[in-house]
């Protein structure tokens, strides 16, 4: 089986290793035990089990921020979709029942 090439920078590849340590597994387990439901789904009135211990503020390789958090529990869908979108472009593109963006930071709401 061929290994997938990691297109991340050397710096990102270095801190990605932290996610495979026993210390991170323990941090993740403690977070998910303390907050077992996805925080973003709960805000929308949905009850979805969390599977990801997310850094609320991106650590960007800062080791102290990586280990100390703050953290939140998210489902994989919210972590890999909504959360990363907000980090990438600065706002969520999700719309409400009225068809208008729900995120106050969305350009349409400025």
PDB file of N, CA and C in Angstrom:
ATOM      1  N   UNK A   1       0.841  -1.175   0.000  1.00  0.00           N
ATOM      2  CA  UNK A   1       0.000   0.000   0.000  1.00  0.00           C
ATOM      3  C   UNK A   1       0.892   1.246   0.000  1.00  0.00           C
ATOM      4  N   UNK A   2       0.633   2.157  -0.892  1.00  0.00           N
ATOM      5  CA  UNK A   2       1.437   3.370  -1.002  1.00  0.00           C
ATOM      6  C   UNK A   2       1.062   4.349   0.107  1.00  0.00           C
ATOM      7  N   UNK A   3       2.069   5.017   0.652  1.00  0.00           N
ATOM      8  CA  UNK A   3       1.824   6.040   1.669  1.00  0.00           C
ATOM      9  C   UNK A   3       1.413   7.333   1.002  1.00  0.00           C
ATOM     10  N   UNK A   4       0.481   8.013   1.626  1.00  0.00           N
ATOM     11  CA  UNK A   4       0.061   9.307   1.109  1.00  0.00           C
ATOM     12  C   UNK A   4       1.126  10.344   1.411  1.00  0.00           C
ATOM     13  N   UNK A   5       1.364  11.192   0.449  1.00  0.00           N
ATOM     14  CA  UNK A   5       2.326  12.275   0.654  1.00  0.00           C
ATOM     15  C   UNK A   5       1.698  13.356   1.519  1.00  0.00           C
ATOM     16  N   UNK A   6       2.446  13.835   2.481  1.00  0.00           N
ATOM     17  CA  UNK A   6       1.975  14.905   3.348  1.00  0.00           C
ATOM     18  C   UNK A   6       2.437  16.225   2.749  1.00  0.00           C
ATOM     19  N   UNK A   7       1.497  17.037   2.287  1.00  0.00           N
ATOM     20  CA  UNK A   7       1.844  18.296   1.633  1.00  0.00           C
ATOM     21  C   UNK A   7       2.012  19.448   2.624  1.00  0.00           C
ATOM     22  N   UNK A   8       1.915  19.148   3.909  1.00  0.00           N
ATOM     23  CA  UNK A   8       2.085  20.200   4.912  1.00  0.00           C
ATOM     24  C   UNK A   8       3.545  20.638   4.993  1.00  0.00           C
ATOM     25  N   UNK A   9       3.747  21.827   5.529  1.00  0.00           N
ATOM     26  CA  UNK A   9       5.101  22.331   5.725  1.00  0.00           C
ATOM     27  C   UNK A   9       5.827  21.443   6.732  1.00  0.00           C
ATOM     28  N   UNK A  10       7.150  21.539   6.743  1.00  0.00           N
ATOM     29  CA  UNK A  10       7.944  20.755   7.697  1.00  0.00           C
ATOM     30  C   UNK A  10       7.540  21.107   9.130  1.00  0.00           C
ATOM     31  N   UNK A  11       7.244  22.387   9.372  1.00  0.00           N
ATOM     32  CA  UNK A  11       6.825  22.832  10.706  1.00  0.00           C
ATOM     33  C   UNK A  11       5.504  22.162  11.103  1.00  0.00           C
ATOM     34  N   UNK A  12       4.554  22.147  10.181  1.00  0.00           N
ATOM     35  CA  UNK A  12       3.258  21.524  10.467  1.00  0.00           C
ATOM     36  C   UNK A  12       3.406  20.025  10.665  1.00  0.00           C
ATOM     37  N   UNK A  13       4.249  19.392   9.883  1.00  0.00           N
ATOM     38  CA  UNK A  13       4.467  17.957  10.044  1.00  0.00           C
ATOM     39  C   UNK A  13       5.028  17.659  11.431  1.00  0.00           C
ATOM     40  N   UNK A  14       5.886  18.534  11.944  1.00  0.00           N
ATOM     41  CA  UNK A  14       6.484  18.322  13.266  1.00  0.00           C
ATOM     42  C   UNK A  14       5.419  18.374  14.357  1.00  0.00           C
ATOM     43  N   UNK A  15       4.554  19.384  14.347  1.00  0.00           N
ATOM     44  CA  UNK A  15       3.562  19.452  15.423  1.00  0.00           C
ATOM     45  C   UNK A  15       2.435  18.449  15.226  1.00  0.00           C
ATOM     46  N   UNK A  16       2.192  17.979  14.024  1.00  0.00           N
ATOM     47  CA  UNK A  16       1.166  16.947  13.812  1.00  0.00           C
ATOM     48  C   UNK A  16       1.504  15.680  14.590  1.00  0.00           C
ATOM     49  N   UNK A  17       2.761  15.433  14.848  1.00  0.00           N
ATOM     50  CA  UNK A  17       3.167  14.243  15.620  1.00  0.00           C
ATOM     51  C   UNK A  17       2.636  14.283  17.046  1.00  0.00           C
ATOM     52  N   UNK A  18       2.406  15.476  17.577  1.00  0.00           N
ATOM     53  CA  UNK A  18       1.909  15.598  18.953  1.00  0.00           C
ATOM     54  C   UNK A  18       0.563  14.904  19.115  1.00  0.00           C
ATOM     55  N   UNK A  19      -0.230  14.844  18.037  1.00  0.00           N
ATOM     56  CA  UNK A  19      -1.553  14.224  18.125  1.00  0.00           C
ATOM     57  C   UNK A  19      -1.493  12.715  18.355  1.00  0.00           C
ATOM     58  N   UNK A  20      -0.359  12.111  18.149  1.00  0.00           N
ATOM     59  CA  UNK A  20      -0.218  10.659  18.302  1.00  0.00           C
ATOM     60  C   UNK A  20       0.435  10.265  19.620  1.00  0.00           C
ATOM     61  N   UNK A  21       0.660  11.232  20.506  1.00  0.00           N
ATOM     62  CA  UNK A  21       1.316  10.942  21.779  1.00  0.00           C
ATOM     63  C   UNK A  21       0.313  10.477  22.833  1.00  0.00           C
ATOM     64  N   UNK A  22       0.784   9.699  23.809  1.00  0.00           N
ATOM     65  CA  UNK A  22      -0.101   9.310  24.922  1.00  0.00           C
ATOM     66  C   UNK A  22      -0.653  10.534  25.668  1.00  0.00           C
ATOM     67  N   UNK A  23       0.149  11.583  25.782  1.00  0.00           N
ATOM     68  CA  UNK A  23      -0.316  12.795  26.478  1.00  0.00           C
ATOM     69  C   UNK A  23      -1.512  13.404  25.752  1.00  0.00           C
ATOM     70  N   UNK A  24      -1.483  13.460  24.414  1.00  0.00           N
ATOM     71  CA  UNK A  24      -2.623  14.010  23.681  1.00  0.00           C
ATOM     72  C   UNK A  24      -3.842  13.100  23.812  1.00  0.00           C
ATOM     73  N   UNK A  25      -3.620  11.789  23.732  1.00  0.00           N
ATOM     74  CA  UNK A  25      -4.752  10.863  23.881  1.00  0.00           C
ATOM     75  C   UNK A  25      -5.453  11.061  25.221  1.00  0.00           C
ATOM     76  N   UNK A  26      -4.664  11.307  26.248  1.00  0.00           N
ATOM     77  CA  UNK A  26      -5.223  11.536  27.580  1.00  0.00           C
ATOM     78  C   UNK A  26      -5.977  12.876  27.620  1.00  0.00           C
ATOM     79  N   UNK A  27      -5.405  13.910  27.028  1.00  0.00           N
ATOM     80  CA  UNK A  27      -6.060  15.220  26.972  1.00  0.00           C
ATOM     81  C   UNK A  27      -7.379  15.118  26.215  1.00  0.00           C
ATOM     82  N   UNK A  28      -7.347  14.435  25.074  1.00  0.00           N
ATOM     83  CA  UNK A  28      -8.539  14.255  24.247  1.00  0.00           C
ATOM     84  C   UNK A  28      -9.627  13.503  25.020  1.00  0.00           C
ATOM     85  N   UNK A  29      -9.246  12.415  25.659  1.00  0.00           N
ATOM     86  CA  UNK A  29     -10.217  11.610  26.410  1.00  0.00           C
ATOM     87  C   UNK A  29     -10.844  12.421  27.536  1.00  0.00           C
ATOM     88  N   UNK A  30     -10.045  13.204  28.239  1.00  0.00           N
ATOM     89  CA  UNK A  30     -10.566  14.025  29.338  1.00  0.00           C
ATOM     90  C   UNK A  30     -11.542  15.076  28.813  1.00  0.00           C
ATOM     91  N   UNK A  31     -11.209  15.692  27.688  1.00  0.00           N
ATOM     92  CA  UNK A  31     -12.100  16.702  27.100  1.00  0.00           C
ATOM     93  C   UNK A  31     -13.419  16.080  26.674  1.00  0.00           C
ATOM     94  N   UNK A  32     -13.359  14.946  25.989  1.00  0.00           N
ATOM     95  CA  UNK A  32     -14.581  14.303  25.503  1.00  0.00           C
ATOM     96  C   UNK A  32     -15.424  13.753  26.651  1.00  0.00           C
ATOM     97  N   UNK A  33     -14.798  13.393  27.748  1.00  0.00           N
ATOM     98  CA  UNK A  33     -15.557  12.932  28.908  1.00  0.00           C
ATOM     99  C   UNK A  33     -16.252  14.125  29.581  1.00  0.00           C
ATOM    100  N   UNK A  34     -15.553  15.248  29.657  1.00  0.00           N
ATOM    101  CA  UNK A  34     -16.122  16.434  30.296  1.00  0.00           C
ATOM    102  C   UNK A  34     -17.219  17.069  29.442  1.00  0.00           C
ATOM    103  N   UNK A  35     -17.076  16.989  28.120  1.00  0.00           N
ATOM    104  CA  UNK A  35     -18.029  17.595  27.193  1.00  0.00           C
ATOM    105  C   UNK A  35     -18.298  16.584  26.073  1.00  0.00           C
ATOM    106  N   UNK A  36     -19.214  15.638  26.299  1.00  0.00           N
ATOM    107  CA  UNK A  36     -19.408  14.529  25.353  1.00  0.00           C
ATOM    108  C   UNK A  36     -20.190  14.859  24.087  1.00  0.00           C
ATOM    109  N   UNK A  37     -20.824  16.039  24.039  1.00  0.00           N
ATOM    110  CA  UNK A  37     -21.614  16.400  22.860  1.00  0.00           C
ATOM    111  C   UNK A  37     -20.939  17.521  22.078  1.00  0.00           C
ATOM    112  N   UNK A  38     -21.174  17.538  20.778  1.00  0.00           N
ATOM    113  CA  UNK A  38     -20.605  18.564  19.898  1.00  0.00           C
ATOM    114  C   UNK A  38     -21.156  19.935  20.283  1.00  0.00           C
ATOM    115  N   UNK A  39     -20.276  20.848  20.587  1.00  0.00           N
ATOM    116  CA  UNK A  39     -20.675  22.183  21.023  1.00  0.00           C
ATOM    117  C   UNK A  39     -21.386  22.956  19.908  1.00  0.00           C
ATOM    118  N   UNK A  40     -20.900  22.850  18.688  1.00  0.00           N
ATOM    119  CA  UNK A  40     -21.525  23.586  17.585  1.00  0.00           C
ATOM    120  C   UNK A  40     -22.901  23.026  17.240  1.00  0.00           C
ATOM    121  N   UNK A  41     -23.041  21.708  17.271  1.00  0.00           N
ATOM    122  CA  UNK A  41     -24.352  21.103  17.016  1.00  0.00           C
ATOM    123  C   UNK A  41     -25.339  21.491  18.112  1.00  0.00           C
ATOM    124  N   UNK A  42     -24.889  21.486  19.357  1.00  0.00           N
ATOM    125  CA  UNK A  42     -25.766  21.866  20.467  1.00  0.00           C
ATOM    126  C   UNK A  42     -26.270  23.291  20.290  1.00  0.00           C
ATOM    127  N   UNK A  43     -25.416  24.177  19.788  1.00  0.00           N
ATOM    128  CA  UNK A  43     -25.812  25.564  19.574  1.00  0.00           C
ATOM    129  C   UNK A  43     -26.932  25.671  18.538  1.00  0.00           C
ATOM    130  N   UNK A  44     -27.057  24.646  17.685  1.00  0.00           N
ATOM    131  CA  UNK A  44     -28.111  24.609  16.670  1.00  0.00           C
ATOM    132  C   UNK A  44     -29.292  23.742  17.115  1.00  0.00           C
ATOM    133  N   UNK A  45     -29.267  23.295  18.381  1.00  0.00           N
ATOM    134  CA  UNK A  45     -30.366  22.495  18.907  1.00  0.00           C
ATOM    135  C   UNK A  45     -30.284  21.019  18.571  1.00  0.00           C
ATOM    136  N   UNK A  46     -29.128  20.560  18.107  1.00  0.00           N
ATOM    137  CA  UNK A  46     -28.959  19.146  17.757  1.00  0.00           C
ATOM    138  C   UNK A  46     -28.097  18.458  18.810  1.00  0.00           C
ATOM    139  N   UNK A  47     -28.409  17.202  19.066  1.00  0.00           N
ATOM    140  CA  UNK A  47     -27.647  16.397  20.016  1.00  0.00           C
ATOM    141  C   UNK A  47     -26.809  15.405  19.210  1.00  0.00           C
ATOM    142  N   UNK A  48     -25.502  15.665  19.136  1.00  0.00           N
ATOM    143  CA  UNK A  48     -24.587  14.834  18.348  1.00  0.00           C
ATOM    144  C   UNK A  48     -23.370  14.526  19.204  1.00  0.00           C
ATOM    145  N   UNK A  49     -22.982  13.248  19.317  1.00  0.00           N
ATOM    146  CA  UNK A  49     -21.782  12.909  20.086  1.00  0.00           C
ATOM    147  C   UNK A  49     -20.541  13.573  19.499  1.00  0.00           C
ATOM    148  N   UNK A  50     -19.673  14.050  20.368  1.00  0.00           N
ATOM    149  CA  UNK A  50     -18.408  14.643  19.948  1.00  0.00           C
ATOM    150  C   UNK A  50     -17.366  13.542  19.785  1.00  0.00           C
ATOM    151  N   UNK A  51     -16.492  13.713  18.822  1.00  0.00           N
ATOM    152  CA  UNK A  51     -15.407  12.751  18.588  1.00  0.00           C
ATOM    153  C   UNK A  51     -14.053  13.433  18.486  1.00  0.00           C
ATOM    154  N   UNK A  52     -14.044  14.773  18.477  1.00  0.00           N
ATOM    155  CA  UNK A  52     -12.808  15.534  18.267  1.00  0.00           C
ATOM    156  C   UNK A  52     -12.600  16.507  19.419  1.00  0.00           C
ATOM    157  N   UNK A  53     -11.399  16.522  19.956  1.00  0.00           N
ATOM    158  CA  UNK A  53     -10.992  17.539  20.921  1.00  0.00           C
ATOM    159  C   UNK A  53     -10.347  18.654  20.096  1.00  0.00           C
ATOM    160  N   UNK A  54     -11.038  19.778  20.008  1.00  0.00           N
ATOM    161  CA  UNK A  54     -10.619  20.875  19.141  1.00  0.00           C
ATOM    162  C   UNK A  54      -9.978  21.997  19.933  1.00  0.00           C
ATOM    163  N   UNK A  55      -8.921  22.570  19.364  1.00  0.00           N
ATOM    164  CA  UNK A  55      -8.316  23.771  19.929  1.00  0.00           C
ATOM    165  C   UNK A  55      -9.203  24.948  19.523  1.00  0.00           C
ATOM    166  N   UNK A  56      -9.823  25.603  20.479  1.00  0.00           N
ATOM    167  CA  UNK A  56     -10.707  26.732  20.172  1.00  0.00           C
ATOM    168  C   UNK A  56      -9.927  27.809  19.431  1.00  0.00           C
ATOM    169  N   UNK A  57      -8.760  28.116  19.929  1.00  0.00           N
ATOM    170  CA  UNK A  57      -7.868  29.076  19.267  1.00  0.00           C
ATOM    171  C   UNK A  57      -6.770  28.272  18.578  1.00  0.00           C
ATOM    172  N   UNK A  58      -6.562  28.462  17.279  1.00  0.00           N
ATOM    173  CA  UNK A  58      -5.530  27.701  16.581  1.00  0.00           C
ATOM    174  C   UNK A  58      -4.165  27.866  17.253  1.00  0.00           C
ATOM    175  N   UNK A  59      -3.476  26.759  17.476  1.00  0.00           N
ATOM    176  CA  UNK A  59      -2.181  26.821  18.155  1.00  0.00           C
ATOM    177  C   UNK A  59      -1.047  27.162  17.196  1.00  0.00           C
ATOM    178  N   UNK A  60      -1.199  26.864  15.916  1.00  0.00           N
ATOM    179  CA  UNK A  60      -0.218  27.167  14.869  1.00  0.00           C
ATOM    180  C   UNK A  60       1.200  26.740  15.248  1.00  0.00           C
ATOM    181  N   UNK A  61       1.289  25.590  15.902  1.00  0.00           N
ATOM    182  CA  UNK A  61       2.589  25.046  16.254  1.00  0.00           C
ATOM    183  C   UNK A  61       3.156  25.526  17.571  1.00  0.00           C
ATOM    184  N   UNK A  62       2.453  26.407  18.276  1.00  0.00           N
ATOM    185  CA  UNK A  62       2.903  26.878  19.585  1.00  0.00           C
ATOM    186  C   UNK A  62       2.644  25.756  20.590  1.00  0.00           C
ATOM    187  N   UNK A  63       3.713  25.166  21.086  1.00  0.00           N
ATOM    188  CA  UNK A  63       3.591  23.986  21.935  1.00  0.00           C
ATOM    189  C   UNK A  63       2.794  24.248  23.212  1.00  0.00           C
ATOM    190  N   UNK A  64       2.999  25.400  23.847  1.00  0.00           N
ATOM    191  CA  UNK A  64       2.262  25.707  25.077  1.00  0.00           C
ATOM    192  C   UNK A  64       0.762  25.792  24.793  1.00  0.00           C
ATOM    193  N   UNK A  65       0.379  26.451  23.701  1.00  0.00           N
ATOM    194  CA  UNK A  65      -1.042  26.561  23.349  1.00  0.00           C
ATOM    195  C   UNK A  65      -1.605  25.204  22.939  1.00  0.00           C
ATOM    196  N   UNK A  66      -0.779  24.374  22.300  1.00  0.00           N
ATOM    197  CA  UNK A  66      -1.236  23.056  21.900  1.00  0.00           C
ATOM    198  C   UNK A  66      -1.665  22.244  23.118  1.00  0.00           C
ATOM    199  N   UNK A  67      -0.851  22.228  24.155  1.00  0.00           N
ATOM    200  CA  UNK A  67      -1.118  21.374  25.316  1.00  0.00           C
ATOM    201  C   UNK A  67      -2.103  21.973  26.301  1.00  0.00           C
ATOM    202  N   UNK A  68      -2.187  23.289  26.376  1.00  0.00           N
ATOM    203  CA  UNK A  68      -3.026  23.914  27.397  1.00  0.00           C
ATOM    204  C   UNK A  68      -4.398  24.330  26.906  1.00  0.00           C
ATOM    205  N   UNK A  69      -4.597  24.393  25.595  1.00  0.00           N
ATOM    206  CA  UNK A  69      -5.913  24.761  25.080  1.00  0.00           C
ATOM    207  C   UNK A  69      -6.120  26.254  25.027  1.00  0.00           C
ATOM    208  N   UNK A  70      -7.346  26.709  25.097  1.00  0.00           N
ATOM    209  CA  UNK A  70      -8.573  26.037  25.503  1.00  0.00           C
ATOM    210  C   UNK A  70      -9.107  25.092  24.425  1.00  0.00           C
ATOM    211  N   UNK A  71      -9.889  24.101  24.886  1.00  0.00           N
ATOM    212  CA  UNK A  71     -10.438  23.069  24.016  1.00  0.00           C
ATOM    213  C   UNK A  71     -11.967  23.115  24.005  1.00  0.00           C
ATOM    214  N   UNK A  72     -12.525  22.504  22.976  1.00  0.00           N
ATOM    215  CA  UNK A  72     -13.959  22.268  22.913  1.00  0.00           C
ATOM    216  C   UNK A  72     -14.161  20.924  22.229  1.00  0.00           C
ATOM    217  N   UNK A  73     -15.279  20.310  22.487  1.00  0.00           N
ATOM    218  CA  UNK A  73     -15.607  19.033  21.859  1.00  0.00           C
ATOM    219  C   UNK A  73     -16.470  19.287  20.639  1.00  0.00           C
ATOM    220  N   UNK A  74     -16.106  18.652  19.517  1.00  0.00           N
ATOM    221  CA  UNK A  74     -16.852  18.788  18.273  1.00  0.00           C
ATOM    222  C   UNK A  74     -17.052  17.424  17.631  1.00  0.00           C
ATOM    223  N   UNK A  75     -18.076  17.317  16.776  1.00  0.00           N
ATOM    224  CA  UNK A  75     -18.199  16.120  15.945  1.00  0.00           C
ATOM    225  C   UNK A  75     -17.223  16.308  14.771  1.00  0.00           C
ATOM    226  N   UNK A  76     -16.924  15.237  14.090  1.00  0.00           N
ATOM    227  CA  UNK A  76     -15.964  15.314  12.993  1.00  0.00           C
ATOM    228  C   UNK A  76     -16.457  16.243  11.882  1.00  0.00           C
ATOM    229  N   UNK A  77     -17.747  16.220  11.613  1.00  0.00           N
ATOM    230  CA  UNK A  77     -18.313  17.061  10.561  1.00  0.00           C
ATOM    231  C   UNK A  77     -18.111  18.545  10.868  1.00  0.00           C
ATOM    232  N   UNK A  78     -18.415  18.965  12.071  1.00  0.00           N
ATOM    233  CA  UNK A  78     -18.235  20.374  12.443  1.00  0.00           C
ATOM    234  C   UNK A  78     -16.760  20.753  12.455  1.00  0.00           C
ATOM    235  N   UNK A  79     -15.914  19.864  12.975  1.00  0.00           N
ATOM    236  CA  UNK A  79     -14.482  20.159  13.032  1.00  0.00           C
ATOM    237  C   UNK A  79     -13.884  20.300  11.646  1.00  0.00           C
ATOM    238  N   UNK A  80     -14.201  19.373  10.761  1.00  0.00           N
ATOM    239  CA  UNK A  80     -13.581  19.362   9.431  1.00  0.00           C
ATOM    240  C   UNK A  80     -14.281  20.282   8.441  1.00  0.00           C
ATOM    241  N   UNK A  81     -15.453  20.768   8.793  1.00  0.00           N
ATOM    242  CA  UNK A  81     -16.194  21.645   7.893  1.00  0.00           C
ATOM    243  C   UNK A  81     -16.288  23.055   8.440  1.00  0.00           C
ATOM    244  N   UNK A  82     -17.283  23.279   9.284  1.00  0.00           N
ATOM    245  CA  UNK A  82     -17.573  24.613   9.795  1.00  0.00           C
ATOM    246  C   UNK A  82     -16.370  25.261  10.461  1.00  0.00           C
ATOM    247  N   UNK A  83     -15.739  24.561  11.396  1.00  0.00           N
ATOM    248  CA  UNK A  83     -14.636  25.150  12.166  1.00  0.00           C
ATOM    249  C   UNK A  83     -13.469  25.524  11.265  1.00  0.00           C
ATOM    250  N   UNK A  84     -13.089  24.638  10.356  1.00  0.00           N
ATOM    251  CA  UNK A  84     -11.951  24.937   9.489  1.00  0.00           C
ATOM    252  C   UNK A  84     -12.286  26.039   8.486  1.00  0.00           C
ATOM    253  N   UNK A  85     -13.537  26.098   8.065  1.00  0.00           N
ATOM    254  CA  UNK A  85     -13.952  27.170   7.163  1.00  0.00           C
ATOM    255  C   UNK A  85     -13.810  28.523   7.855  1.00  0.00           C
ATOM    256  N   UNK A  86     -14.274  28.613   9.087  1.00  0.00           N
ATOM    257  CA  UNK A  86     -14.179  29.862   9.837  1.00  0.00           C
ATOM    258  C   UNK A  86     -12.712  30.254  10.021  1.00  0.00           C
ATOM    259  N   UNK A  87     -11.853  29.290  10.323  1.00  0.00           N
ATOM    260  CA  UNK A  87     -10.433  29.597  10.484  1.00  0.00           C
ATOM    261  C   UNK A  87      -9.813  30.054   9.165  1.00  0.00           C
ATOM    262  N   UNK A  88     -10.264  29.487   8.073  1.00  0.00           N
ATOM    263  CA  UNK A  88      -9.688  29.792   6.763  1.00  0.00           C
ATOM    264  C   UNK A  88     -10.163  31.140   6.216  1.00  0.00           C
ATOM    265  N   UNK A  89     -11.498  31.412   6.256  1.00  0.00           N
ATOM    266  CA  UNK A  89     -12.008  32.632   5.626  1.00  0.00           C
ATOM    267  C   UNK A  89     -12.536  33.669   6.613  1.00  0.00           C
ATOM    268  N   UNK A  90     -12.638  33.299   7.880  1.00  0.00           N
ATOM    269  CA  UNK A  90     -13.025  34.270   8.901  1.00  0.00           C
ATOM    270  C   UNK A  90     -14.500  34.312   9.257  1.00  0.00           C
ATOM    271  N   UNK A  91     -15.312  33.505   8.596  1.00  0.00           N
ATOM    272  CA  UNK A  91     -16.738  33.467   8.907  1.00  0.00           C
ATOM    273  C   UNK A  91     -17.338  32.165   8.391  1.00  0.00           C
ATOM    274  N   UNK A  92     -18.529  31.847   8.903  1.00  0.00           N
ATOM    275  CA  UNK A  92     -19.271  30.657   8.492  1.00  0.00           C
ATOM    276  C   UNK A  92     -20.238  31.052   7.381  1.00  0.00           C
ATOM    277  N   UNK A  93     -20.403  30.194   6.400  1.00  0.00           N
ATOM    278  CA  UNK A  93     -21.310  30.490   5.289  1.00  0.00           C
ATOM    279  C   UNK A  93     -22.691  29.874   5.472  1.00  0.00           C
ATOM    280  N   UNK A  94     -22.928  29.266   6.614  1.00  0.00           N
ATOM    281  CA  UNK A  94     -24.223  28.629   6.880  1.00  0.00           C
ATOM    282  C   UNK A  94     -25.340  29.672   6.900  1.00  0.00           C
ATOM    283  N   UNK A  95     -26.494  29.297   6.356  1.00  0.00           N
ATOM    284  CA  UNK A  95     -27.633  30.216   6.321  1.00  0.00           C
ATOM    285  C   UNK A  95     -28.756  29.696   7.208  1.00  0.00           C
ATOM    286  N   UNK A  96     -29.565  30.619   7.691  1.00  0.00           N
ATOM    287  CA  UNK A  96     -30.708  30.278   8.523  1.00  0.00           C
ATOM    288  C   UNK A  96     -31.916  29.908   7.683  1.00  0.00           C
ATOM    289  N   UNK A  97     -33.031  29.659   8.342  1.00  0.00           N
ATOM    290  CA  UNK A  97     -34.266  29.288   7.652  1.00  0.00           C
ATOM    291  C   UNK A  97     -34.752  30.386   6.702  1.00  0.00           C
ATOM    292  N   UNK A  98     -34.365  31.622   6.991  1.00  0.00           N
ATOM    293  CA  UNK A  98     -34.769  32.738   6.133  1.00  0.00           C
ATOM    294  C   UNK A  98     -33.853  32.911   4.919  1.00  0.00           C
ATOM    295  N   UNK A  99     -32.819  32.051   4.817  1.00  0.00           N
ATOM    296  CA  UNK A  99     -31.898  32.129   3.688  1.00  0.00           C
ATOM    297  C   UNK A  99     -30.785  33.148   3.867  1.00  0.00           C
ATOM    298  N   UNK A 100     -30.723  33.770   5.038  1.00  0.00           N
ATOM    299  CA  UNK A 100     -29.719  34.792   5.315  1.00  0.00           C
ATOM    300  C   UNK A 100     -28.581  34.183   6.147  1.00  0.00           C
ATOM    301  N   UNK A 101     -27.313  34.566   5.905  1.00  0.00           N
ATOM    302  CA  UNK A 101     -26.185  34.032   6.684  1.00  0.00           C
ATOM    303  C   UNK A 101     -26.389  34.249   8.188  1.00  0.00           C
ATOM    304  N   UNK A 102     -26.124  33.205   8.975  1.00  0.00           N
ATOM    305  CA  UNK A 102     -26.332  33.304  10.424  1.00  0.00           C
ATOM    306  C   UNK A 102     -25.138  33.912  11.157  1.00  0.00           C
ATOM    307  N   UNK A 103     -23.974  33.877  10.545  1.00  0.00           N
ATOM    308  CA  UNK A 103     -22.755  34.392  11.187  1.00  0.00           C
ATOM    309  C   UNK A 103     -22.708  35.912  11.046  1.00  0.00           C
ATOM    310  N   UNK A 104     -22.632  36.601  12.173  1.00  0.00           N
ATOM    311  CA  UNK A 104     -22.573  38.069  12.146  1.00  0.00           C
ATOM    312  C   UNK A 104     -21.325  38.579  11.434  1.00  0.00           C
ATOM    313  N   UNK A 105     -20.290  37.755  11.360  1.00  0.00           N
ATOM    314  CA  UNK A 105     -19.055  38.162  10.683  1.00  0.00           C
ATOM    315  C   UNK A 105     -19.144  37.993   9.168  1.00  0.00           C
ATOM    316  N   UNK A 106     -20.191  37.355   8.668  1.00  0.00           N
ATOM    317  CA  UNK A 106     -20.353  37.155   7.221  1.00  0.00           C
ATOM    318  C   UNK A 106     -20.462  38.523   6.539  1.00  0.00           C
ATOM    319  N   UNK A 107     -19.826  38.695   5.390  1.00  0.00           N
ATOM    320  CA  UNK A 107     -19.876  39.997   4.701  1.00  0.00           C
ATOM    321  C   UNK A 107     -21.284  40.523   4.454  1.00  0.00           C
ATOM    322  N   UNK A 108     -22.256  39.648   4.251  1.00  0.00           N
ATOM    323  CA  UNK A 108     -23.634  40.095   4.009  1.00  0.00           C
ATOM    324  C   UNK A 108     -24.248  40.743   5.240  1.00  0.00           C
ATOM    325  N   UNK A 109     -23.681  40.482   6.410  1.00  0.00           N
ATOM    326  CA  UNK A 109     -24.229  41.027   7.655  1.00  0.00           C
ATOM    327  C   UNK A 109     -23.458  42.242   8.162  1.00  0.00           C
ATOM    328  N   UNK A 110     -22.582  42.773   7.353  1.00  0.00           N
ATOM    329  CA  UNK A 110     -21.786  43.935   7.806  1.00  0.00           C
ATOM    330  C   UNK A 110     -22.426  45.240   7.402  1.00  0.00           C
TER     331      UNK A 110
END
